Amino acid sequence: MGVRSGALDLDDLLNDVVVPSSMVPDFDFSDDSIKNSQKDDLFEEKQRAGWSHDIEPRCDFSPNKVRISFRNPAFGIISLWKRSVYGKTLTEIKEDPEMVPFFIKGMVALIRKMIGENLTKGDWCIVTSPKRRHKVRNFATLISVGIAKEFKIPFYEDLAVCKNRQRVGAVFTLSKDPPKERNIIIFDDFVTSGSTMISMRDLLYPLGYNLVFFTGINNKL
């Protein structure tokens, strides 16, 4: 084939091109091969690590995170803050003495906004869930004491007790006479599944009380 004047002759260049092999290598689809490939899958390892229960919850206390989370049996838990990716861990929060007045101030404002002047009518009290791991300087108890003092309502400490340590399906019993007030604020500093609140509801609701559930931090992203 002739080449026009000024054009490149590609024959020599084409002869130097190496055509890649079209042969497909043999793949091992045995059970052992599949298991080994899954074990070495870095993406799967990272995904599992991201959902590890060993990672402690955090909260950055961002404002405007108030929410009502509904649980079954149907009732709502009103929370002031929401779990976040960054911020203080739960351990850091509970070990910081400045967090107690911080929680009290935030919860008082939230409760006052939700319930209003009904708190001044003298038919309210506040309780919290049973003490389990932290029986001395219990975080939820200290906050409940502050809330009660602010609203001038009774706080019934250790009203409910639990004989076992299980979280889900725990059965609470009364350790003293039931409150004479008909309206009860049930407070907990931290809620995840809501099982503790459900157990408190199961204890008090059959006695004819009006119950309102508040928590500081909702542990749901």
N, C-alpha and C. Protein backbone atom coordinates (compact mmCIF):
# COMPACT_ATOMS: atom_id res chain seq x y z
N MET A 1 0.86 -1.19 0.00
CA MET A 1 0.00 0.00 0.00
C MET A 1 0.89 1.23 0.00
N GLY A 2 0.63 2.15 -0.91
CA GLY A 2 1.47 3.34 -1.03
C GLY A 2 1.24 4.32 0.09
N VAL A 3 2.25 5.10 0.36
CA VAL A 3 2.17 6.11 1.42
C VAL A 3 2.29 7.48 0.77
N ARG A 4 1.32 8.36 1.09
CA ARG A 4 1.36 9.68 0.51
C ARG A 4 2.53 10.45 1.05
N SER A 5 2.96 11.41 0.27
CA SER A 5 4.09 12.24 0.66
C SER A 5 3.76 13.02 1.92
N GLY A 6 4.64 12.97 2.91
CA GLY A 6 4.45 13.68 4.17
C GLY A 6 3.73 12.87 5.23
N ALA A 7 3.16 11.70 4.85
CA ALA A 7 2.44 10.88 5.83
C ALA A 7 3.39 9.91 6.50
N LEU A 8 3.03 9.41 7.70
CA LEU A 8 3.86 8.46 8.43
C LEU A 8 3.57 7.05 7.96
N ASP A 9 4.59 6.25 7.87
CA ASP A 9 4.45 4.84 7.51
C ASP A 9 4.29 4.06 8.82
N LEU A 10 3.09 3.53 9.08
CA LEU A 10 2.79 2.85 10.35
C LEU A 10 3.12 1.38 10.35
N ASP A 11 3.59 0.84 9.23
CA ASP A 11 3.85 -0.60 9.16
C ASP A 11 4.85 -1.04 10.22
N ASP A 12 5.94 -0.26 10.33
CA ASP A 12 6.97 -0.65 11.31
C ASP A 12 6.46 -0.52 12.74
N LEU A 13 5.65 0.53 12.98
CA LEU A 13 5.12 0.71 14.33
C LEU A 13 4.16 -0.41 14.72
N LEU A 14 3.31 -0.82 13.76
CA LEU A 14 2.36 -1.88 14.04
C LEU A 14 3.04 -3.21 14.31
N ASN A 15 4.16 -3.40 13.66
CA ASN A 15 4.88 -4.65 13.87
C ASN A 15 5.44 -4.75 15.28
N ASP A 16 5.66 -3.57 15.91
CA ASP A 16 6.22 -3.57 17.26
C ASP A 16 5.17 -3.70 18.35
N VAL A 17 3.86 -3.61 17.98
CA VAL A 17 2.79 -3.70 18.98
C VAL A 17 2.64 -5.13 19.44
N VAL A 18 2.62 -5.34 20.77
CA VAL A 18 2.43 -6.68 21.34
C VAL A 18 0.97 -6.84 21.74
N VAL A 19 0.26 -7.78 21.16
CA VAL A 19 -1.15 -8.02 21.45
C VAL A 19 -1.25 -8.82 22.74
N PRO A 20 -2.02 -8.31 23.72
CA PRO A 20 -2.14 -9.05 24.98
C PRO A 20 -2.84 -10.37 24.81
N SER A 21 -2.50 -11.30 25.68
CA SER A 21 -3.09 -12.63 25.59
C SER A 21 -4.56 -12.58 25.97
N SER A 22 -5.38 -13.32 25.27
CA SER A 22 -6.82 -13.38 25.56
C SER A 22 -7.17 -14.61 26.38
N MET A 23 -6.16 -15.33 26.85
CA MET A 23 -6.42 -16.52 27.65
C MET A 23 -6.87 -16.12 29.06
N VAL A 24 -7.94 -16.74 29.56
CA VAL A 24 -8.47 -16.46 30.88
C VAL A 24 -7.86 -17.42 31.88
N PRO A 25 -7.28 -16.91 32.98
CA PRO A 25 -6.68 -17.80 33.96
C PRO A 25 -7.74 -18.62 34.67
N ASP A 26 -7.32 -19.76 35.16
CA ASP A 26 -8.25 -20.62 35.90
C ASP A 26 -8.49 -20.05 37.29
N PHE A 27 -9.78 -19.92 37.67
CA PHE A 27 -10.14 -19.43 38.99
C PHE A 27 -10.58 -20.60 39.87
N ASP A 28 -10.23 -20.50 41.14
CA ASP A 28 -10.59 -21.54 42.09
C ASP A 28 -11.87 -21.14 42.80
N PHE A 29 -12.96 -21.85 42.50
CA PHE A 29 -14.24 -21.54 43.12
C PHE A 29 -14.59 -22.55 44.21
N SER A 30 -13.61 -23.19 44.77
CA SER A 30 -13.87 -24.15 45.84
C SER A 30 -14.31 -23.41 47.10
N ASP A 31 -14.91 -24.12 48.03
CA ASP A 31 -15.40 -23.52 49.28
C ASP A 31 -14.27 -22.89 50.07
N ASP A 32 -13.09 -23.57 50.09
CA ASP A 32 -11.96 -23.02 50.84
C ASP A 32 -11.48 -21.71 50.25
N SER A 33 -11.50 -21.62 48.92
CA SER A 33 -11.06 -20.39 48.27
C SER A 33 -11.99 -19.24 48.59
N ILE A 34 -13.31 -19.49 48.58
CA ILE A 34 -14.28 -18.45 48.87
C ILE A 34 -14.15 -17.98 50.31
N LYS A 35 -13.95 -18.92 51.24
CA LYS A 35 -13.80 -18.55 52.64
C LYS A 35 -12.57 -17.69 52.86
N ASN A 36 -11.47 -18.06 52.20
CA ASN A 36 -10.24 -17.28 52.35
C ASN A 36 -10.38 -15.89 51.77
N SER A 37 -11.08 -15.76 50.64
CA SER A 37 -11.24 -14.45 50.03
C SER A 37 -12.11 -13.56 50.91
N GLN A 38 -13.12 -14.15 51.56
CA GLN A 38 -13.96 -13.37 52.44
C GLN A 38 -13.19 -12.91 53.67
N LYS A 39 -12.31 -13.79 54.16
CA LYS A 39 -11.54 -13.46 55.34
C LYS A 39 -10.57 -12.32 55.07
N ASP A 40 -10.08 -12.23 53.86
CA ASP A 40 -9.10 -11.20 53.50
C ASP A 40 -9.75 -9.95 52.93
N ASP A 41 -11.09 -9.90 52.93
CA ASP A 41 -11.78 -8.76 52.37
C ASP A 41 -11.68 -7.58 53.33
N LEU A 42 -10.86 -6.60 52.99
CA LEU A 42 -10.62 -5.47 53.89
C LEU A 42 -11.87 -4.63 54.10
N PHE A 43 -12.70 -4.54 53.07
CA PHE A 43 -13.92 -3.74 53.20
C PHE A 43 -14.84 -4.32 54.28
N GLU A 44 -14.99 -5.65 54.28
CA GLU A 44 -15.84 -6.29 55.27
C GLU A 44 -15.30 -6.07 56.67
N GLU A 45 -13.98 -6.13 56.84
CA GLU A 45 -13.39 -5.91 58.16
C GLU A 45 -13.69 -4.51 58.65
N LYS A 46 -13.54 -3.52 57.78
CA LYS A 46 -13.80 -2.13 58.17
C LYS A 46 -15.26 -1.92 58.50
N GLN A 47 -16.15 -2.56 57.74
CA GLN A 47 -17.57 -2.40 57.98
C GLN A 47 -17.95 -2.95 59.35
N ARG A 48 -17.42 -4.10 59.70
CA ARG A 48 -17.72 -4.68 61.00
C ARG A 48 -17.18 -3.80 62.12
N ALA A 49 -15.98 -3.26 61.93
CA ALA A 49 -15.39 -2.42 62.97
C ALA A 49 -16.22 -1.17 63.20
N GLY A 50 -16.84 -0.65 62.14
CA GLY A 50 -17.64 0.56 62.28
C GLY A 50 -18.89 0.37 63.12
N TRP A 51 -19.37 -0.88 63.19
CA TRP A 51 -20.58 -1.15 63.96
C TRP A 51 -20.27 -1.81 65.28
N SER A 52 -19.01 -1.78 65.68
CA SER A 52 -18.61 -2.43 66.93
C SER A 52 -19.31 -1.80 68.12
N HIS A 53 -19.81 -2.66 69.03
CA HIS A 53 -20.46 -2.17 70.24
C HIS A 53 -19.44 -1.68 71.26
N ASP A 54 -18.15 -1.88 70.98
CA ASP A 54 -17.12 -1.41 71.91
C ASP A 54 -16.87 0.09 71.75
N ILE A 55 -17.37 0.70 70.69
CA ILE A 55 -17.19 2.13 70.48
C ILE A 55 -18.18 2.88 71.35
N GLU A 56 -17.66 3.68 72.28
CA GLU A 56 -18.53 4.33 73.26
C GLU A 56 -19.31 5.48 72.63
N PRO A 57 -20.58 5.62 72.99
CA PRO A 57 -21.40 6.71 72.44
C PRO A 57 -20.82 8.08 72.81
N ARG A 58 -21.09 9.06 71.95
CA ARG A 58 -20.63 10.43 72.18
C ARG A 58 -21.78 11.40 72.01
N CYS A 59 -21.59 12.60 72.54
CA CYS A 59 -22.59 13.66 72.35
C CYS A 59 -21.87 15.00 72.32
N ASP A 60 -22.22 15.83 71.34
CA ASP A 60 -21.61 17.16 71.23
C ASP A 60 -22.54 18.25 71.77
N PHE A 61 -23.74 17.84 72.27
CA PHE A 61 -24.70 18.76 72.88
C PHE A 61 -25.12 19.90 71.94
N SER A 62 -25.26 19.55 70.68
CA SER A 62 -25.74 20.54 69.72
C SER A 62 -27.16 20.96 70.09
N PRO A 63 -27.48 22.25 69.97
CA PRO A 63 -28.83 22.71 70.29
C PRO A 63 -29.83 22.27 69.22
N ASN A 64 -31.09 22.46 69.56
CA ASN A 64 -32.18 22.17 68.62
C ASN A 64 -32.21 20.71 68.18
N LYS A 65 -31.90 19.80 69.12
CA LYS A 65 -31.95 18.37 68.83
C LYS A 65 -33.09 17.68 69.58
N VAL A 66 -34.01 18.46 70.13
CA VAL A 66 -35.12 17.89 70.89
C VAL A 66 -35.94 16.97 69.99
N ARG A 67 -36.28 15.80 70.50
CA ARG A 67 -37.06 14.86 69.71
C ARG A 67 -37.90 13.98 70.62
N ILE A 68 -38.96 13.41 70.07
CA ILE A 68 -39.79 12.45 70.80
C ILE A 68 -39.63 11.10 70.09
N SER A 69 -39.13 10.12 70.82
CA SER A 69 -38.96 8.77 70.28
C SER A 69 -40.04 7.88 70.85
N PHE A 70 -40.75 7.20 70.00
CA PHE A 70 -41.85 6.35 70.45
C PHE A 70 -41.39 4.91 70.63
N ARG A 71 -41.86 4.31 71.71
CA ARG A 71 -41.52 2.94 72.05
C ARG A 71 -42.80 2.11 72.15
N ASN A 72 -42.64 0.82 72.13
CA ASN A 72 -43.76 -0.10 72.23
C ASN A 72 -43.69 -0.84 73.56
N PRO A 73 -44.68 -0.81 74.42
CA PRO A 73 -46.02 -0.24 74.19
C PRO A 73 -45.98 1.27 73.97
N ALA A 74 -46.87 1.75 73.14
CA ALA A 74 -46.77 3.09 72.59
C ALA A 74 -46.73 4.18 73.65
N PHE A 75 -45.60 4.85 73.74
CA PHE A 75 -45.47 6.06 74.54
C PHE A 75 -44.22 6.77 74.05
N GLY A 76 -44.14 8.08 74.29
CA GLY A 76 -43.04 8.87 73.77
C GLY A 76 -42.03 9.25 74.85
N ILE A 77 -40.76 9.23 74.47
CA ILE A 77 -39.68 9.67 75.34
C ILE A 77 -39.11 10.96 74.77
N ILE A 78 -39.16 12.03 75.55
CA ILE A 78 -38.70 13.34 75.08
C ILE A 78 -37.24 13.51 75.47
N SER A 79 -36.39 13.71 74.47
CA SER A 79 -34.95 13.85 74.74
C SER A 79 -34.47 15.24 74.33
N LEU A 80 -33.50 15.75 75.09
CA LEU A 80 -32.99 17.10 74.84
C LEU A 80 -31.89 17.10 73.79
N TRP A 81 -30.99 16.11 73.87
CA TRP A 81 -29.87 16.02 72.93
C TRP A 81 -29.90 14.68 72.22
N LYS A 82 -29.08 14.61 71.18
CA LYS A 82 -29.00 13.41 70.37
C LYS A 82 -27.55 12.96 70.27
N ARG A 83 -27.36 11.67 70.22
CA ARG A 83 -26.03 11.11 70.04
C ARG A 83 -25.38 11.69 68.78
N SER A 84 -24.05 11.89 68.83
CA SER A 84 -23.34 12.45 67.69
C SER A 84 -22.08 11.63 67.43
N VAL A 85 -21.45 11.91 66.29
CA VAL A 85 -20.21 11.20 65.93
C VAL A 85 -19.04 11.70 66.77
N TYR A 86 -19.02 13.02 67.02
CA TYR A 86 -17.93 13.60 67.80
C TYR A 86 -18.49 14.18 69.10
N GLY A 87 -17.59 14.49 70.01
CA GLY A 87 -18.00 15.07 71.28
C GLY A 87 -17.51 14.24 72.45
N LYS A 88 -18.04 14.52 73.63
CA LYS A 88 -17.65 13.80 74.84
C LYS A 88 -18.21 12.38 74.82
N THR A 89 -17.43 11.43 75.33
CA THR A 89 -17.95 10.08 75.47
C THR A 89 -18.85 10.02 76.70
N LEU A 90 -19.62 8.95 76.81
CA LEU A 90 -20.51 8.79 77.94
C LEU A 90 -19.73 8.76 79.25
N THR A 91 -18.57 8.11 79.24
CA THR A 91 -17.73 8.05 80.44
C THR A 91 -17.25 9.43 80.83
N GLU A 92 -16.79 10.21 79.84
CA GLU A 92 -16.31 11.57 80.12
C GLU A 92 -17.44 12.45 80.67
N ILE A 93 -18.63 12.26 80.14
CA ILE A 93 -19.78 13.05 80.59
C ILE A 93 -20.07 12.76 82.06
N LYS A 94 -20.11 11.50 82.41
CA LYS A 94 -20.49 11.12 83.77
C LYS A 94 -19.39 11.40 84.79
N GLU A 95 -18.15 11.49 84.33
CA GLU A 95 -17.05 11.76 85.26
C GLU A 95 -16.77 13.25 85.43
N ASP A 96 -17.40 14.09 84.62
CA ASP A 96 -17.18 15.54 84.67
C ASP A 96 -18.21 16.17 85.61
N PRO A 97 -17.78 16.71 86.75
CA PRO A 97 -18.74 17.30 87.71
C PRO A 97 -19.51 18.48 87.13
N GLU A 98 -18.94 19.15 86.14
CA GLU A 98 -19.63 20.29 85.54
C GLU A 98 -20.83 19.87 84.68
N MET A 99 -20.88 18.59 84.33
CA MET A 99 -21.98 18.10 83.51
C MET A 99 -23.29 18.03 84.28
N VAL A 100 -23.23 17.85 85.59
CA VAL A 100 -24.47 17.75 86.38
C VAL A 100 -25.26 19.05 86.30
N PRO A 101 -24.70 20.21 86.66
CA PRO A 101 -25.48 21.45 86.52
C PRO A 101 -25.83 21.77 85.08
N PHE A 102 -24.99 21.36 84.15
CA PHE A 102 -25.27 21.58 82.73
C PHE A 102 -26.52 20.82 82.32
N PHE A 103 -26.63 19.56 82.72
CA PHE A 103 -27.82 18.76 82.42
C PHE A 103 -29.05 19.34 83.12
N ILE A 104 -28.89 19.72 84.38
CA ILE A 104 -30.02 20.26 85.13
C ILE A 104 -30.59 21.50 84.43
N LYS A 105 -29.73 22.40 84.04
CA LYS A 105 -30.19 23.63 83.38
C LYS A 105 -30.93 23.31 82.08
N GLY A 106 -30.36 22.42 81.29
CA GLY A 106 -31.00 22.07 80.02
C GLY A 106 -32.31 21.35 80.19
N MET A 107 -32.35 20.40 81.14
CA MET A 107 -33.57 19.64 81.35
C MET A 107 -34.68 20.49 81.96
N VAL A 108 -34.33 21.39 82.87
CA VAL A 108 -35.34 22.28 83.47
C VAL A 108 -36.00 23.13 82.38
N ALA A 109 -35.20 23.67 81.49
CA ALA A 109 -35.76 24.48 80.40
C ALA A 109 -36.68 23.65 79.50
N LEU A 110 -36.27 22.43 79.21
CA LEU A 110 -37.07 21.56 78.35
C LEU A 110 -38.38 21.16 79.04
N ILE A 111 -38.30 20.75 80.29
CA ILE A 111 -39.50 20.32 81.02
C ILE A 111 -40.48 21.48 81.17
N ARG A 112 -39.95 22.64 81.50
CA ARG A 112 -40.81 23.83 81.64
C ARG A 112 -41.51 24.15 80.31
N LYS A 113 -40.78 23.99 79.23
CA LYS A 113 -41.36 24.28 77.91
C LYS A 113 -42.44 23.26 77.54
N MET A 114 -42.24 21.99 77.91
CA MET A 114 -43.17 20.94 77.52
C MET A 114 -44.39 20.88 78.43
N ILE A 115 -44.20 21.11 79.73
CA ILE A 115 -45.30 20.95 80.69
C ILE A 115 -45.90 22.29 81.09
N GLY A 116 -45.08 23.33 81.14
CA GLY A 116 -45.60 24.66 81.44
C GLY A 116 -45.91 24.87 82.91
N GLU A 117 -46.91 25.66 83.18
CA GLU A 117 -47.24 26.08 84.55
C GLU A 117 -47.93 24.99 85.36
N ASN A 118 -48.24 23.86 84.73
CA ASN A 118 -48.88 22.77 85.47
C ASN A 118 -48.00 22.27 86.61
N LEU A 119 -46.71 22.47 86.49
CA LEU A 119 -45.79 22.01 87.53
C LEU A 119 -45.99 22.75 88.84
N THR A 120 -46.56 23.93 88.80
CA THR A 120 -46.72 24.73 90.01
C THR A 120 -47.99 24.37 90.79
N LYS A 121 -48.75 23.43 90.29
CA LYS A 121 -50.02 23.08 90.95
C LYS A 121 -49.86 22.04 92.05
N GLY A 122 -48.64 21.61 92.30
CA GLY A 122 -48.38 20.77 93.44
C GLY A 122 -48.75 19.31 93.32
N ASP A 123 -49.03 18.82 92.12
CA ASP A 123 -49.41 17.42 91.96
C ASP A 123 -48.41 16.67 91.08
N TRP A 124 -47.15 17.10 91.12
CA TRP A 124 -46.09 16.49 90.33
C TRP A 124 -44.97 15.99 91.22
N CYS A 125 -44.27 14.96 90.75
CA CYS A 125 -43.04 14.50 91.39
C CYS A 125 -42.13 13.96 90.29
N ILE A 126 -40.91 13.59 90.67
CA ILE A 126 -39.95 13.06 89.70
C ILE A 126 -39.30 11.81 90.28
N VAL A 127 -39.09 10.82 89.42
CA VAL A 127 -38.40 9.59 89.80
C VAL A 127 -37.42 9.24 88.69
N THR A 128 -36.55 8.30 88.97
CA THR A 128 -35.63 7.82 87.95
C THR A 128 -35.51 6.31 88.05
N SER A 129 -34.82 5.71 87.12
CA SER A 129 -34.71 4.26 87.07
C SER A 129 -33.81 3.74 88.20
N PRO A 130 -33.86 2.45 88.50
CA PRO A 130 -33.05 1.90 89.59
C PRO A 130 -31.55 2.08 89.35
N LYS A 131 -30.84 2.30 90.43
CA LYS A 131 -29.38 2.36 90.36
C LYS A 131 -28.84 0.95 90.16
N ARG A 132 -27.88 0.83 89.25
CA ARG A 132 -27.31 -0.49 89.00
C ARG A 132 -25.80 -0.47 89.20
N ARG A 133 -25.08 -0.06 88.17
CA ARG A 133 -23.61 -0.07 88.29
C ARG A 133 -23.10 1.09 89.13
N HIS A 134 -23.69 2.28 88.99
CA HIS A 134 -23.20 3.47 89.70
C HIS A 134 -24.15 3.81 90.85
N LYS A 135 -23.96 3.17 91.98
CA LYS A 135 -24.85 3.38 93.12
C LYS A 135 -24.41 4.57 93.98
N VAL A 136 -23.13 4.97 93.86
CA VAL A 136 -22.63 6.14 94.56
C VAL A 136 -22.42 7.24 93.53
N ARG A 137 -22.89 8.45 93.85
CA ARG A 137 -22.85 9.57 92.91
C ARG A 137 -23.47 9.17 91.56
N ASN A 138 -24.67 8.66 91.64
CA ASN A 138 -25.39 8.26 90.44
C ASN A 138 -25.77 9.49 89.63
N PHE A 139 -25.38 9.49 88.36
CA PHE A 139 -25.53 10.67 87.50
C PHE A 139 -26.99 11.08 87.35
N ALA A 140 -27.86 10.12 87.02
CA ALA A 140 -29.28 10.43 86.83
C ALA A 140 -29.91 10.92 88.12
N THR A 141 -29.48 10.38 89.25
CA THR A 141 -30.02 10.80 90.54
C THR A 141 -29.65 12.24 90.86
N LEU A 142 -28.38 12.60 90.63
CA LEU A 142 -27.94 13.96 90.90
C LEU A 142 -28.71 14.97 90.06
N ILE A 143 -28.96 14.63 88.81
CA ILE A 143 -29.71 15.53 87.94
C ILE A 143 -31.16 15.62 88.40
N SER A 144 -31.75 14.49 88.78
CA SER A 144 -33.13 14.49 89.25
C SER A 144 -33.30 15.34 90.50
N VAL A 145 -32.32 15.29 91.41
CA VAL A 145 -32.35 16.12 92.61
C VAL A 145 -32.39 17.60 92.23
N GLY A 146 -31.55 17.99 91.27
CA GLY A 146 -31.52 19.38 90.82
C GLY A 146 -32.81 19.82 90.16
N ILE A 147 -33.40 18.94 89.34
CA ILE A 147 -34.67 19.26 88.68
C ILE A 147 -35.77 19.44 89.72
N ALA A 148 -35.81 18.53 90.70
CA ALA A 148 -36.83 18.61 91.75
C ALA A 148 -36.70 19.90 92.55
N LYS A 149 -35.48 20.29 92.85
CA LYS A 149 -35.26 21.51 93.63
C LYS A 149 -35.71 22.73 92.83
N GLU A 150 -35.43 22.74 91.54
CA GLU A 150 -35.79 23.88 90.69
C GLU A 150 -37.31 24.05 90.61
N PHE A 151 -38.03 22.94 90.50
CA PHE A 151 -39.49 23.02 90.36
C PHE A 151 -40.23 22.91 91.70
N LYS A 152 -39.46 22.70 92.77
CA LYS A 152 -40.05 22.56 94.11
C LYS A 152 -41.05 21.41 94.16
N ILE A 153 -40.65 20.28 93.60
CA ILE A 153 -41.47 19.07 93.62
C ILE A 153 -40.66 17.95 94.28
N PRO A 154 -41.32 16.92 94.81
CA PRO A 154 -40.60 15.83 95.46
C PRO A 154 -39.83 14.97 94.45
N PHE A 155 -38.69 14.48 94.90
CA PHE A 155 -37.95 13.46 94.16
C PHE A 155 -37.92 12.21 95.02
N TYR A 156 -38.45 11.13 94.49
CA TYR A 156 -38.48 9.86 95.22
C TYR A 156 -37.29 9.00 94.77
N GLU A 157 -36.24 9.08 95.56
CA GLU A 157 -35.02 8.33 95.23
C GLU A 157 -35.22 6.85 95.54
N ASP A 158 -34.72 6.00 94.65
CA ASP A 158 -34.79 4.55 94.83
C ASP A 158 -36.23 4.07 94.98
N LEU A 159 -37.15 4.71 94.29
CA LEU A 159 -38.53 4.23 94.31
C LEU A 159 -38.64 2.84 93.69
N ALA A 160 -37.91 2.64 92.59
CA ALA A 160 -37.93 1.36 91.89
C ALA A 160 -36.62 0.62 92.11
N VAL A 161 -36.70 -0.67 92.24
CA VAL A 161 -35.50 -1.51 92.38
C VAL A 161 -35.58 -2.65 91.37
N CYS A 162 -34.41 -3.18 91.05
CA CYS A 162 -34.33 -4.29 90.11
C CYS A 162 -33.37 -5.32 90.68
N LYS A 163 -33.81 -6.56 90.77
CA LYS A 163 -33.00 -7.59 91.40
C LYS A 163 -31.99 -8.23 90.46
N ASN A 164 -32.12 -7.98 89.17
CA ASN A 164 -31.14 -8.53 88.24
C ASN A 164 -30.51 -7.40 87.43
N ARG A 165 -29.48 -7.73 86.68
CA ARG A 165 -28.73 -6.72 85.93
C ARG A 165 -29.16 -6.62 84.47
N GLN A 166 -30.07 -7.46 84.03
CA GLN A 166 -30.43 -7.45 82.62
C GLN A 166 -31.10 -6.14 82.24
N ARG A 167 -30.80 -5.69 81.02
CA ARG A 167 -31.35 -4.43 80.52
C ARG A 167 -32.69 -4.62 79.84
N VAL A 168 -32.76 -5.62 78.95
CA VAL A 168 -33.98 -5.84 78.18
C VAL A 168 -34.90 -6.77 78.96
N GLY A 169 -36.14 -6.34 79.13
CA GLY A 169 -37.11 -7.17 79.82
C GLY A 169 -36.94 -7.22 81.32
N ALA A 170 -36.20 -6.26 81.89
CA ALA A 170 -36.02 -6.24 83.34
C ALA A 170 -37.34 -5.92 84.03
N VAL A 171 -37.56 -6.55 85.19
CA VAL A 171 -38.77 -6.33 85.96
C VAL A 171 -38.43 -5.50 87.19
N PHE A 172 -39.07 -4.33 87.32
CA PHE A 172 -38.84 -3.45 88.45
C PHE A 172 -39.96 -3.64 89.49
N THR A 173 -39.60 -3.43 90.75
CA THR A 173 -40.58 -3.49 91.82
C THR A 173 -40.45 -2.24 92.68
N LEU A 174 -41.51 -1.91 93.43
CA LEU A 174 -41.49 -0.75 94.31
C LEU A 174 -40.75 -1.09 95.60
N SER A 175 -39.90 -0.16 96.03
CA SER A 175 -39.16 -0.36 97.27
C SER A 175 -39.79 0.40 98.43
N LYS A 176 -40.77 1.22 98.14
CA LYS A 176 -41.44 2.03 99.18
C LYS A 176 -42.86 2.32 98.72
N ASP A 177 -43.60 3.04 99.54
CA ASP A 177 -44.98 3.37 99.17
C ASP A 177 -45.01 4.19 97.88
N PRO A 178 -46.01 3.97 97.03
CA PRO A 178 -46.11 4.74 95.78
C PRO A 178 -46.29 6.23 96.07
N PRO A 179 -45.85 7.09 95.16
CA PRO A 179 -46.04 8.55 95.34
C PRO A 179 -47.51 8.92 95.47
N LYS A 180 -47.77 9.94 96.27
CA LYS A 180 -49.15 10.42 96.41
C LYS A 180 -49.51 11.35 95.25
N GLU A 181 -48.51 11.95 94.61
CA GLU A 181 -48.76 12.81 93.44
C GLU A 181 -49.24 11.93 92.28
N ARG A 182 -50.14 12.47 91.48
CA ARG A 182 -50.72 11.69 90.39
C ARG A 182 -49.96 11.85 89.07
N ASN A 183 -49.11 12.87 88.97
CA ASN A 183 -48.34 13.12 87.75
C ASN A 183 -46.86 12.91 88.03
N ILE A 184 -46.24 12.05 87.25
CA ILE A 184 -44.85 11.68 87.53
C ILE A 184 -43.97 11.93 86.31
N ILE A 185 -42.88 12.67 86.53
CA ILE A 185 -41.82 12.80 85.53
C ILE A 185 -40.85 11.65 85.75
N ILE A 186 -40.67 10.84 84.72
CA ILE A 186 -39.68 9.76 84.78
C ILE A 186 -38.47 10.21 83.97
N PHE A 187 -37.34 10.38 84.67
CA PHE A 187 -36.14 10.91 84.02
C PHE A 187 -35.04 9.86 83.99
N ASP A 188 -34.32 9.83 82.88
CA ASP A 188 -33.09 9.05 82.78
C ASP A 188 -32.09 9.87 81.97
N ASP A 189 -30.84 9.78 82.33
CA ASP A 189 -29.83 10.62 81.67
C ASP A 189 -29.55 10.19 80.25
N PHE A 190 -29.77 8.90 79.94
CA PHE A 190 -29.31 8.34 78.68
C PHE A 190 -30.25 7.21 78.29
N VAL A 191 -30.74 7.20 77.06
CA VAL A 191 -31.64 6.13 76.64
C VAL A 191 -31.20 5.60 75.28
N THR A 192 -31.21 4.28 75.15
CA THR A 192 -30.88 3.65 73.86
C THR A 192 -32.09 2.91 73.32
N SER A 193 -32.36 1.76 73.87
CA SER A 193 -33.51 0.97 73.40
C SER A 193 -34.82 1.41 74.04
N GLY A 194 -34.72 2.06 75.19
CA GLY A 194 -35.93 2.45 75.91
C GLY A 194 -36.44 1.37 76.84
N SER A 195 -35.69 0.27 76.99
CA SER A 195 -36.16 -0.85 77.81
C SER A 195 -36.32 -0.46 79.28
N THR A 196 -35.42 0.40 79.78
CA THR A 196 -35.54 0.84 81.17
C THR A 196 -36.81 1.67 81.37
N MET A 197 -37.07 2.56 80.42
CA MET A 197 -38.29 3.37 80.49
C MET A 197 -39.54 2.49 80.40
N ILE A 198 -39.47 1.46 79.56
CA ILE A 198 -40.60 0.54 79.43
C ILE A 198 -40.87 -0.16 80.76
N SER A 199 -39.79 -0.57 81.44
CA SER A 199 -39.94 -1.23 82.74
C SER A 199 -40.53 -0.28 83.78
N MET A 200 -40.13 1.00 83.75
CA MET A 200 -40.71 1.98 84.66
C MET A 200 -42.20 2.19 84.35
N ARG A 201 -42.52 2.23 83.08
CA ARG A 201 -43.92 2.38 82.67
C ARG A 201 -44.73 1.18 83.16
N ASP A 202 -44.20 -0.02 82.97
CA ASP A 202 -44.92 -1.23 83.39
C ASP A 202 -45.15 -1.24 84.90
N LEU A 203 -44.25 -0.61 85.65
CA LEU A 203 -44.38 -0.57 87.10
C LEU A 203 -45.44 0.44 87.56
N LEU A 204 -45.45 1.63 86.94
CA LEU A 204 -46.26 2.73 87.46
C LEU A 204 -47.59 2.95 86.74
N TYR A 205 -47.63 2.65 85.46
CA TYR A 205 -48.85 2.94 84.69
C TYR A 205 -50.07 2.19 85.22
N PRO A 206 -49.96 0.91 85.61
CA PRO A 206 -51.14 0.21 86.13
C PRO A 206 -51.67 0.80 87.44
N LEU A 207 -50.89 1.63 88.11
CA LEU A 207 -51.33 2.25 89.37
C LEU A 207 -52.14 3.53 89.13
N GLY A 208 -52.32 3.89 87.85
CA GLY A 208 -53.20 5.02 87.53
C GLY A 208 -52.50 6.36 87.43
N TYR A 209 -51.17 6.37 87.33
CA TYR A 209 -50.44 7.64 87.25
C TYR A 209 -50.43 8.18 85.84
N ASN A 210 -50.29 9.51 85.74
CA ASN A 210 -49.97 10.15 84.46
C ASN A 210 -48.45 10.25 84.38
N LEU A 211 -47.88 9.70 83.34
CA LEU A 211 -46.43 9.59 83.24
C LEU A 211 -45.91 10.41 82.06
N VAL A 212 -44.82 11.15 82.29
CA VAL A 212 -44.13 11.87 81.21
C VAL A 212 -42.67 11.46 81.27
N PHE A 213 -42.12 11.05 80.12
CA PHE A 213 -40.78 10.48 80.07
C PHE A 213 -39.80 11.47 79.46
N PHE A 214 -38.73 11.77 80.20
CA PHE A 214 -37.70 12.68 79.72
C PHE A 214 -36.33 12.00 79.82
N THR A 215 -35.46 12.32 78.86
CA THR A 215 -34.07 11.86 78.93
C THR A 215 -33.16 12.94 78.42
N GLY A 216 -31.92 12.91 78.90
CA GLY A 216 -30.94 13.89 78.45
C GLY A 216 -30.48 13.62 77.04
N ILE A 217 -29.93 12.40 76.81
CA ILE A 217 -29.33 12.06 75.52
C ILE A 217 -30.04 10.85 74.93
N ASN A 218 -30.45 10.98 73.69
CA ASN A 218 -31.02 9.87 72.93
C ASN A 218 -29.89 9.21 72.14
N ASN A 219 -29.62 7.97 72.44
CA ASN A 219 -28.49 7.25 71.83
C ASN A 219 -28.87 6.61 70.51
N LYS A 220 -29.43 7.39 69.61
CA LYS A 220 -29.76 6.92 68.27
C LYS A 220 -29.27 7.95 67.27
N LEU A 221 -28.48 7.51 66.29
CA LEU A 221 -27.99 8.44 65.27
C LEU A 221 -29.10 8.75 64.26
